[in-house]
Amino acid sequence: TATGKLPARVLAAARRSGAAPCVVCLAGSVDAAAVPGSGFDAVIPVTPPDMPLTEALRPETAAALLRAAARSCASDFSE
């Protein structure tokens, strides 16, 4: 989750550093209700909502999904 231990620590460290103007979380799936209070500038889902977890966890599928999410993120924040 975006508020789990590791994401929360990464977010806190980025904010403390003062160097990160924007902090984005790539998540397997996203609960839209949890995003506004998460503290992240954006939370981008990696897995399509209708994709079974077993398929999303296949290495080749996971790699393709991460690449697509990273491209989406880069596109969203390069404007």
PDB file of N, CA and C in Angstrom:
ATOM      1  N   THR A   1       0.837  -1.194   0.000  1.00  0.00           N
ATOM      2  CA  THR A   1       0.000   0.000   0.000  1.00  0.00           C
ATOM      3  C   THR A   1       0.876   1.249   0.000  1.00  0.00           C
ATOM      4  N   ALA A   2       0.305   2.318  -0.462  1.00  0.00           N
ATOM      5  CA  ALA A   2       1.067   3.576  -0.515  1.00  0.00           C
ATOM      6  C   ALA A   2       1.454   4.056   0.870  1.00  0.00           C
ATOM      7  N   THR A   3       0.703   3.644   1.876  1.00  0.00           N
ATOM      8  CA  THR A   3       1.022   4.066   3.237  1.00  0.00           C
ATOM      9  C   THR A   3       1.737   2.974   4.020  1.00  0.00           C
ATOM     10  N   GLY A   4       2.161   1.927   3.340  1.00  0.00           N
ATOM     11  CA  GLY A   4       2.898   0.844   3.995  1.00  0.00           C
ATOM     12  C   GLY A   4       4.247   1.328   4.493  1.00  0.00           C
ATOM     13  N   LYS A   5       4.942   0.465   5.192  1.00  0.00           N
ATOM     14  CA  LYS A   5       6.202   0.863   5.831  1.00  0.00           C
ATOM     15  C   LYS A   5       7.239   1.393   4.845  1.00  0.00           C
ATOM     16  N   LEU A   6       7.538   0.637   3.785  1.00  0.00           N
ATOM     17  CA  LEU A   6       8.580   1.076   2.858  1.00  0.00           C
ATOM     18  C   LEU A   6       8.176   2.333   2.087  1.00  0.00           C
ATOM     19  N   PRO A   7       6.995   2.378   1.445  1.00  0.00           N
ATOM     20  CA  PRO A   7       6.642   3.619   0.746  1.00  0.00           C
ATOM     21  C   PRO A   7       6.628   4.835   1.669  1.00  0.00           C
ATOM     22  N   ALA A   8       6.128   4.670   2.880  1.00  0.00           N
ATOM     23  CA  ALA A   8       6.080   5.796   3.820  1.00  0.00           C
ATOM     24  C   ALA A   8       7.483   6.270   4.179  1.00  0.00           C
ATOM     25  N   ARG A   9       8.410   5.353   4.347  1.00  0.00           N
ATOM     26  CA  ARG A   9       9.792   5.744   4.679  1.00  0.00           C
ATOM     27  C   ARG A   9      10.483   6.425   3.499  1.00  0.00           C
ATOM     28  N   VAL A  10      10.254   5.895   2.298  1.00  0.00           N
ATOM     29  CA  VAL A  10      10.841   6.516   1.105  1.00  0.00           C
ATOM     30  C   VAL A  10      10.282   7.926   0.940  1.00  0.00           C
ATOM     31  N   LEU A  11       8.980   8.074   1.108  1.00  0.00           N
ATOM     32  CA  LEU A  11       8.348   9.389   1.002  1.00  0.00           C
ATOM     33  C   LEU A  11       8.918  10.351   2.042  1.00  0.00           C
ATOM     34  N   ALA A  12       9.031   9.901   3.274  1.00  0.00           N
ATOM     35  CA  ALA A  12       9.564  10.755   4.342  1.00  0.00           C
ATOM     36  C   ALA A  12      11.007  11.170   4.053  1.00  0.00           C
ATOM     37  N   ALA A  13      11.824  10.231   3.581  1.00  0.00           N
ATOM     38  CA  ALA A  13      13.220  10.546   3.268  1.00  0.00           C
ATOM     39  C   ALA A  13      13.305  11.548   2.118  1.00  0.00           C
ATOM     40  N   ALA A  14      12.470  11.367   1.108  1.00  0.00           N
ATOM     41  CA  ALA A  14      12.476  12.290  -0.029  1.00  0.00           C
ATOM     42  C   ALA A  14      12.065  13.687   0.413  1.00  0.00           C
ATOM     43  N   ARG A  15      11.065  13.773   1.234  1.00  0.00           N
ATOM     44  CA  ARG A  15      10.598  15.081   1.710  1.00  0.00           C
ATOM     45  C   ARG A  15      11.645  15.746   2.609  1.00  0.00           C
ATOM     46  N   ARG A  16      12.299  14.953   3.456  1.00  0.00           N
ATOM     47  CA  ARG A  16      13.342  15.504   4.343  1.00  0.00           C
ATOM     48  C   ARG A  16      14.524  16.039   3.550  1.00  0.00           C
ATOM     49  N   SER A  17      14.857  15.380   2.446  1.00  0.00           N
ATOM     50  CA  SER A  17      16.034  15.776   1.669  1.00  0.00           C
ATOM     51  C   SER A  17      15.860  17.150   1.044  1.00  0.00           C
ATOM     52  N   GLY A  18      14.629  17.514   0.787  1.00  0.00           N
ATOM     53  CA  GLY A  18      14.371  18.798   0.156  1.00  0.00           C
ATOM     54  C   GLY A  18      14.723  18.823  -1.315  1.00  0.00           C
ATOM     55  N   ALA A  19      15.306  17.743  -1.816  1.00  0.00           N
ATOM     56  CA  ALA A  19      15.749  17.704  -3.205  1.00  0.00           C
ATOM     57  C   ALA A  19      14.689  17.157  -4.146  1.00  0.00           C
ATOM     58  N   ALA A  20      13.684  16.497  -3.619  1.00  0.00           N
ATOM     59  CA  ALA A  20      12.687  15.848  -4.464  1.00  0.00           C
ATOM     60  C   ALA A  20      11.469  16.758  -4.646  1.00  0.00           C
ATOM     61  N   PRO A  21      11.357  17.399  -5.814  1.00  0.00           N
ATOM     62  CA  PRO A  21      10.211  18.273  -6.023  1.00  0.00           C
ATOM     63  C   PRO A  21       8.905  17.504  -6.203  1.00  0.00           C
ATOM     64  N   CYS A  22       9.018  16.249  -6.579  1.00  0.00           N
ATOM     65  CA  CYS A  22       7.839  15.444  -6.867  1.00  0.00           C
ATOM     66  C   CYS A  22       8.126  13.998  -6.466  1.00  0.00           C
ATOM     67  N   VAL A  23       7.227  13.399  -5.708  1.00  0.00           N
ATOM     68  CA  VAL A  23       7.418  12.013  -5.282  1.00  0.00           C
ATOM     69  C   VAL A  23       6.250  11.192  -5.808  1.00  0.00           C
ATOM     70  N   VAL A  24       6.571  10.179  -6.610  1.00  0.00           N
ATOM     71  CA  VAL A  24       5.570   9.340  -7.267  1.00  0.00           C
ATOM     72  C   VAL A  24       5.678   7.923  -6.737  1.00  0.00           C
ATOM     73  N   CYS A  25       4.542   7.286  -6.530  1.00  0.00           N
ATOM     74  CA  CYS A  25       4.502   5.895  -6.083  1.00  0.00           C
ATOM     75  C   CYS A  25       3.931   5.045  -7.203  1.00  0.00           C
ATOM     76  N   LEU A  26       4.678   4.044  -7.652  1.00  0.00           N
ATOM     77  CA  LEU A  26       4.146   3.055  -8.585  1.00  0.00           C
ATOM     78  C   LEU A  26       3.607   1.918  -7.737  1.00  0.00           C
ATOM     79  N   ALA A  27       2.340   1.588  -7.903  1.00  0.00           N
ATOM     80  CA  ALA A  27       1.697   0.575  -7.073  1.00  0.00           C
ATOM     81  C   ALA A  27       1.081  -0.500  -7.950  1.00  0.00           C
ATOM     82  N   GLY A  28       1.033  -1.711  -7.429  1.00  0.00           N
ATOM     83  CA  GLY A  28       0.426  -2.812  -8.177  1.00  0.00           C
ATOM     84  C   GLY A  28      -0.990  -2.484  -8.593  1.00  0.00           C
ATOM     85  N   SER A  29      -1.776  -2.028  -7.666  1.00  0.00           N
ATOM     86  CA  SER A  29      -3.126  -1.545  -7.948  1.00  0.00           C
ATOM     87  C   SER A  29      -3.368  -0.357  -7.027  1.00  0.00           C
ATOM     88  N   VAL A  30      -4.346   0.441  -7.378  1.00  0.00           N
ATOM     89  CA  VAL A  30      -4.553   1.679  -6.633  1.00  0.00           C
ATOM     90  C   VAL A  30      -6.003   1.791  -6.180  1.00  0.00           C
ATOM     91  N   ASP A  31      -6.176   2.045  -4.892  1.00  0.00           N
ATOM     92  CA  ASP A  31      -7.483   2.375  -4.332  1.00  0.00           C
ATOM     93  C   ASP A  31      -7.592   3.894  -4.408  1.00  0.00           C
ATOM     94  N   ALA A  32      -8.404   4.387  -5.326  1.00  0.00           N
ATOM     95  CA  ALA A  32      -8.488   5.829  -5.570  1.00  0.00           C
ATOM     96  C   ALA A  32      -8.811   6.620  -4.307  1.00  0.00           C
ATOM     97  N   ALA A  33      -9.530   6.025  -3.386  1.00  0.00           N
ATOM     98  CA  ALA A  33      -9.893   6.730  -2.155  1.00  0.00           C
ATOM     99  C   ALA A  33      -8.684   6.968  -1.258  1.00  0.00           C
ATOM    100  N   ALA A  34      -7.644   6.147  -1.389  1.00  0.00           N
ATOM    101  CA  ALA A  34      -6.467   6.265  -0.529  1.00  0.00           C
ATOM    102  C   ALA A  34      -5.443   7.269  -1.057  1.00  0.00           C
ATOM    103  N   VAL A  35      -5.544   7.656  -2.311  1.00  0.00           N
ATOM    104  CA  VAL A  35      -4.532   8.506  -2.937  1.00  0.00           C
ATOM    105  C   VAL A  35      -4.463   9.914  -2.341  1.00  0.00           C
ATOM    106  N   PRO A  36      -5.588  10.632  -2.163  1.00  0.00           N
ATOM    107  CA  PRO A  36      -5.483  12.014  -1.691  1.00  0.00           C
ATOM    108  C   PRO A  36      -4.738  12.199  -0.368  1.00  0.00           C
ATOM    109  N   GLY A  37      -4.851  11.299   0.556  1.00  0.00           N
ATOM    110  CA  GLY A  37      -4.179  11.462   1.837  1.00  0.00           C
ATOM    111  C   GLY A  37      -2.852  10.754   1.945  1.00  0.00           C
ATOM    112  N   SER A  38      -2.347  10.232   0.826  1.00  0.00           N
ATOM    113  CA  SER A  38      -1.130   9.414   0.875  1.00  0.00           C
ATOM    114  C   SER A  38       0.146  10.230   1.041  1.00  0.00           C
ATOM    115  N   GLY A  39       0.133  11.496   0.619  1.00  0.00           N
ATOM    116  CA  GLY A  39       1.328  12.319   0.686  1.00  0.00           C
ATOM    117  C   GLY A  39       2.139  12.311  -0.598  1.00  0.00           C
ATOM    118  N   PHE A  40       1.856  11.372  -1.496  1.00  0.00           N
ATOM    119  CA  PHE A  40       2.560  11.311  -2.771  1.00  0.00           C
ATOM    120  C   PHE A  40       1.958  12.325  -3.735  1.00  0.00           C
ATOM    121  N   ASP A  41       2.794  12.837  -4.635  1.00  0.00           N
ATOM    122  CA  ASP A  41       2.300  13.747  -5.658  1.00  0.00           C
ATOM    123  C   ASP A  41       1.454  13.003  -6.681  1.00  0.00           C
ATOM    124  N   ALA A  42       1.755  11.735  -6.875  1.00  0.00           N
ATOM    125  CA  ALA A  42       0.970  10.881  -7.771  1.00  0.00           C
ATOM    126  C   ALA A  42       1.147   9.433  -7.340  1.00  0.00           C
ATOM    127  N   VAL A  43       0.100   8.663  -7.530  1.00  0.00           N
ATOM    128  CA  VAL A  43       0.154   7.219  -7.303  1.00  0.00           C
ATOM    129  C   VAL A  43      -0.326   6.587  -8.601  1.00  0.00           C
ATOM    130  N   ILE A  44       0.574   5.875  -9.263  1.00  0.00           N
ATOM    131  CA  ILE A  44       0.287   5.325 -10.585  1.00  0.00           C
ATOM    132  C   ILE A  44       0.150   3.813 -10.500  1.00  0.00           C
ATOM    133  N   PRO A  45      -0.994   3.275 -10.954  1.00  0.00           N
ATOM    134  CA  PRO A  45      -1.168   1.821 -10.922  1.00  0.00           C
ATOM    135  C   PRO A  45      -0.301   1.150 -11.983  1.00  0.00           C
ATOM    136  N   VAL A  46       0.263   0.018 -11.626  1.00  0.00           N
ATOM    137  CA  VAL A  46       1.076  -0.754 -12.557  1.00  0.00           C
ATOM    138  C   VAL A  46       0.221  -1.823 -13.229  1.00  0.00           C
ATOM    139  N   THR A  47      -0.677  -2.424 -12.476  1.00  0.00           N
ATOM    140  CA  THR A  47      -1.480  -3.547 -12.957  1.00  0.00           C
ATOM    141  C   THR A  47      -2.874  -3.086 -13.360  1.00  0.00           C
ATOM    142  N   PRO A  48      -3.337  -3.452 -14.559  1.00  0.00           N
ATOM    143  CA  PRO A  48      -4.717  -3.133 -14.937  1.00  0.00           C
ATOM    144  C   PRO A  48      -5.694  -3.786 -13.957  1.00  0.00           C
ATOM    145  N   PRO A  49      -6.809  -3.127 -13.655  1.00  0.00           N
ATOM    146  CA  PRO A  49      -7.732  -3.650 -12.646  1.00  0.00           C
ATOM    147  C   PRO A  49      -8.292  -5.033 -12.957  1.00  0.00           C
ATOM    148  N   ASP A  50      -8.386  -5.386 -14.221  1.00  0.00           N
ATOM    149  CA  ASP A  50      -8.972  -6.678 -14.583  1.00  0.00           C
ATOM    150  C   ASP A  50      -7.938  -7.794 -14.759  1.00  0.00           C
ATOM    151  N   MET A  51      -6.659  -7.515 -14.514  1.00  0.00           N
ATOM    152  CA  MET A  51      -5.619  -8.529 -14.703  1.00  0.00           C
ATOM    153  C   MET A  51      -5.477  -9.390 -13.453  1.00  0.00           C
ATOM    154  N   PRO A  52      -5.534 -10.715 -13.611  1.00  0.00           N
ATOM    155  CA  PRO A  52      -5.326 -11.603 -12.459  1.00  0.00           C
ATOM    156  C   PRO A  52      -3.909 -11.438 -11.893  1.00  0.00           C
ATOM    157  N   LEU A  53      -3.797 -11.523 -10.583  1.00  0.00           N
ATOM    158  CA  LEU A  53      -2.508 -11.365  -9.916  1.00  0.00           C
ATOM    159  C   LEU A  53      -1.482 -12.364 -10.428  1.00  0.00           C
ATOM    160  N   THR A  54      -1.903 -13.603 -10.680  1.00  0.00           N
ATOM    161  CA  THR A  54      -0.956 -14.617 -11.168  1.00  0.00           C
ATOM    162  C   THR A  54      -0.334 -14.199 -12.491  1.00  0.00           C
ATOM    163  N   GLU A  55      -1.113 -13.554 -13.345  1.00  0.00           N
ATOM    164  CA  GLU A  55      -0.577 -13.078 -14.622  1.00  0.00           C
ATOM    165  C   GLU A  55       0.348 -11.879 -14.404  1.00  0.00           C
ATOM    166  N   ALA A  56      -0.062 -10.959 -13.543  1.00  0.00           N
ATOM    167  CA  ALA A  56       0.733  -9.753 -13.285  1.00  0.00           C
ATOM    168  C   ALA A  56       2.089 -10.085 -12.678  1.00  0.00           C
ATOM    169  N   LEU A  57       2.175 -11.187 -11.949  1.00  0.00           N
ATOM    170  CA  LEU A  57       3.424 -11.558 -11.281  1.00  0.00           C
ATOM    171  C   LEU A  57       4.390 -12.337 -12.165  1.00  0.00           C
ATOM    172  N   ARG A  58       3.965 -12.717 -13.358  1.00  0.00           N
ATOM    173  CA  ARG A  58       4.902 -13.380 -14.275  1.00  0.00           C
ATOM    174  C   ARG A  58       6.006 -12.382 -14.623  1.00  0.00           C
ATOM    175  N   PRO A  59       7.264 -12.813 -14.553  1.00  0.00           N
ATOM    176  CA  PRO A  59       8.373 -11.864 -14.770  1.00  0.00           C
ATOM    177  C   PRO A  59       8.266 -11.045 -16.054  1.00  0.00           C
ATOM    178  N   GLU A  60       7.922 -11.681 -17.167  1.00  0.00           N
ATOM    179  CA  GLU A  60       7.860 -10.934 -18.428  1.00  0.00           C
ATOM    180  C   GLU A  60       6.687  -9.951 -18.429  1.00  0.00           C
ATOM    181  N   THR A  61       5.585 -10.343 -17.810  1.00  0.00           N
ATOM    182  CA  THR A  61       4.426  -9.452 -17.720  1.00  0.00           C
ATOM    183  C   THR A  61       4.727  -8.299 -16.771  1.00  0.00           C
ATOM    184  N   ALA A  62       5.297  -8.608 -15.617  1.00  0.00           N
ATOM    185  CA  ALA A  62       5.626  -7.572 -14.634  1.00  0.00           C
ATOM    186  C   ALA A  62       6.587  -6.545 -15.227  1.00  0.00           C
ATOM    187  N   ALA A  63       7.584  -7.015 -15.970  1.00  0.00           N
ATOM    188  CA  ALA A  63       8.547  -6.094 -16.586  1.00  0.00           C
ATOM    189  C   ALA A  63       7.854  -5.172 -17.585  1.00  0.00           C
ATOM    190  N   ALA A  64       6.971  -5.730 -18.399  1.00  0.00           N
ATOM    191  CA  ALA A  64       6.252  -4.917 -19.383  1.00  0.00           C
ATOM    192  C   ALA A  64       5.333  -3.904 -18.700  1.00  0.00           C
ATOM    193  N   LEU A  65       4.666  -4.334 -17.634  1.00  0.00           N
ATOM    194  CA  LEU A  65       3.780  -3.428 -16.896  1.00  0.00           C
ATOM    195  C   LEU A  65       4.564  -2.289 -16.246  1.00  0.00           C
ATOM    196  N   LEU A  66       5.718  -2.606 -15.671  1.00  0.00           N
ATOM    197  CA  LEU A  66       6.549  -1.566 -15.051  1.00  0.00           C
ATOM    198  C   LEU A  66       7.070  -0.574 -16.084  1.00  0.00           C
ATOM    199  N   ARG A  67       7.484  -1.084 -17.242  1.00  0.00           N
ATOM    200  CA  ARG A  67       7.946  -0.181 -18.309  1.00  0.00           C
ATOM    201  C   ARG A  67       6.824   0.762 -18.739  1.00  0.00           C
ATOM    202  N   ALA A  68       5.623   0.210 -18.917  1.00  0.00           N
ATOM    203  CA  ALA A  68       4.485   1.031 -19.340  1.00  0.00           C
ATOM    204  C   ALA A  68       4.143   2.080 -18.280  1.00  0.00           C
ATOM    205  N   ALA A  69       4.175   1.693 -17.015  1.00  0.00           N
ATOM    206  CA  ALA A  69       3.876   2.642 -15.935  1.00  0.00           C
ATOM    207  C   ALA A  69       4.943   3.733 -15.866  1.00  0.00           C
ATOM    208  N   ALA A  70       6.198   3.358 -16.047  1.00  0.00           N
ATOM    209  CA  ALA A  70       7.285   4.343 -16.028  1.00  0.00           C
ATOM    210  C   ALA A  70       7.151   5.317 -17.197  1.00  0.00           C
ATOM    211  N   ARG A  71       6.794   4.807 -18.380  1.00  0.00           N
ATOM    212  CA  ARG A  71       6.577   5.685 -19.536  1.00  0.00           C
ATOM    213  C   ARG A  71       5.426   6.655 -19.262  1.00  0.00           C
ATOM    214  N   SER A  72       4.358   6.132 -18.682  1.00  0.00           N
ATOM    215  CA  SER A  72       3.205   6.970 -18.351  1.00  0.00           C
ATOM    216  C   SER A  72       3.605   8.066 -17.371  1.00  0.00           C
ATOM    217  N   CYS A  73       4.375   7.686 -16.375  1.00  0.00           N
ATOM    218  CA  CYS A  73       4.843   8.639 -15.368  1.00  0.00           C
ATOM    219  C   CYS A  73       5.720   9.707 -16.017  1.00  0.00           C
ATOM    220  N   ALA A  74       6.656   9.284 -16.837  1.00  0.00           N
ATOM    221  CA  ALA A  74       7.556  10.228 -17.506  1.00  0.00           C
ATOM    222  C   ALA A  74       6.770  11.183 -18.393  1.00  0.00           C
ATOM    223  N   SER A  75       5.782  10.654 -19.079  1.00  0.00           N
ATOM    224  CA  SER A  75       4.955  11.479 -19.949  1.00  0.00           C
ATOM    225  C   SER A  75       4.140  12.484 -19.139  1.00  0.00           C
ATOM    226  N   ASP A  76       3.557  12.022 -18.043  1.00  0.00           N
ATOM    227  CA  ASP A  76       2.727  12.893 -17.202  1.00  0.00           C
ATOM    228  C   ASP A  76       3.526  14.041 -16.596  1.00  0.00           C
ATOM    229  N   PHE A  77       4.776  13.789 -16.225  1.00  0.00           N
ATOM    230  CA  PHE A  77       5.549  14.789 -15.501  1.00  0.00           C
ATOM    231  C   PHE A  77       6.555  15.539 -16.365  1.00  0.00           C
ATOM    232  N   SER A  78       6.589  15.260 -17.664  1.00  0.00           N
ATOM    233  CA  SER A  78       7.526  15.978 -18.527  1.00  0.00           C
ATOM    234  C   SER A  78       6.866  17.194 -19.167  1.00  0.00           C
ATOM    235  N   GLU A  79       5.595  17.332 -18.960  1.00  0.00           N
ATOM    236  CA  GLU A  79       4.864  18.452 -19.575  1.00  0.00           C
ATOM    237  C   GLU A  79       4.990  19.706 -18.765  1.00  0.00           C
TER     238      GLU A  79
END
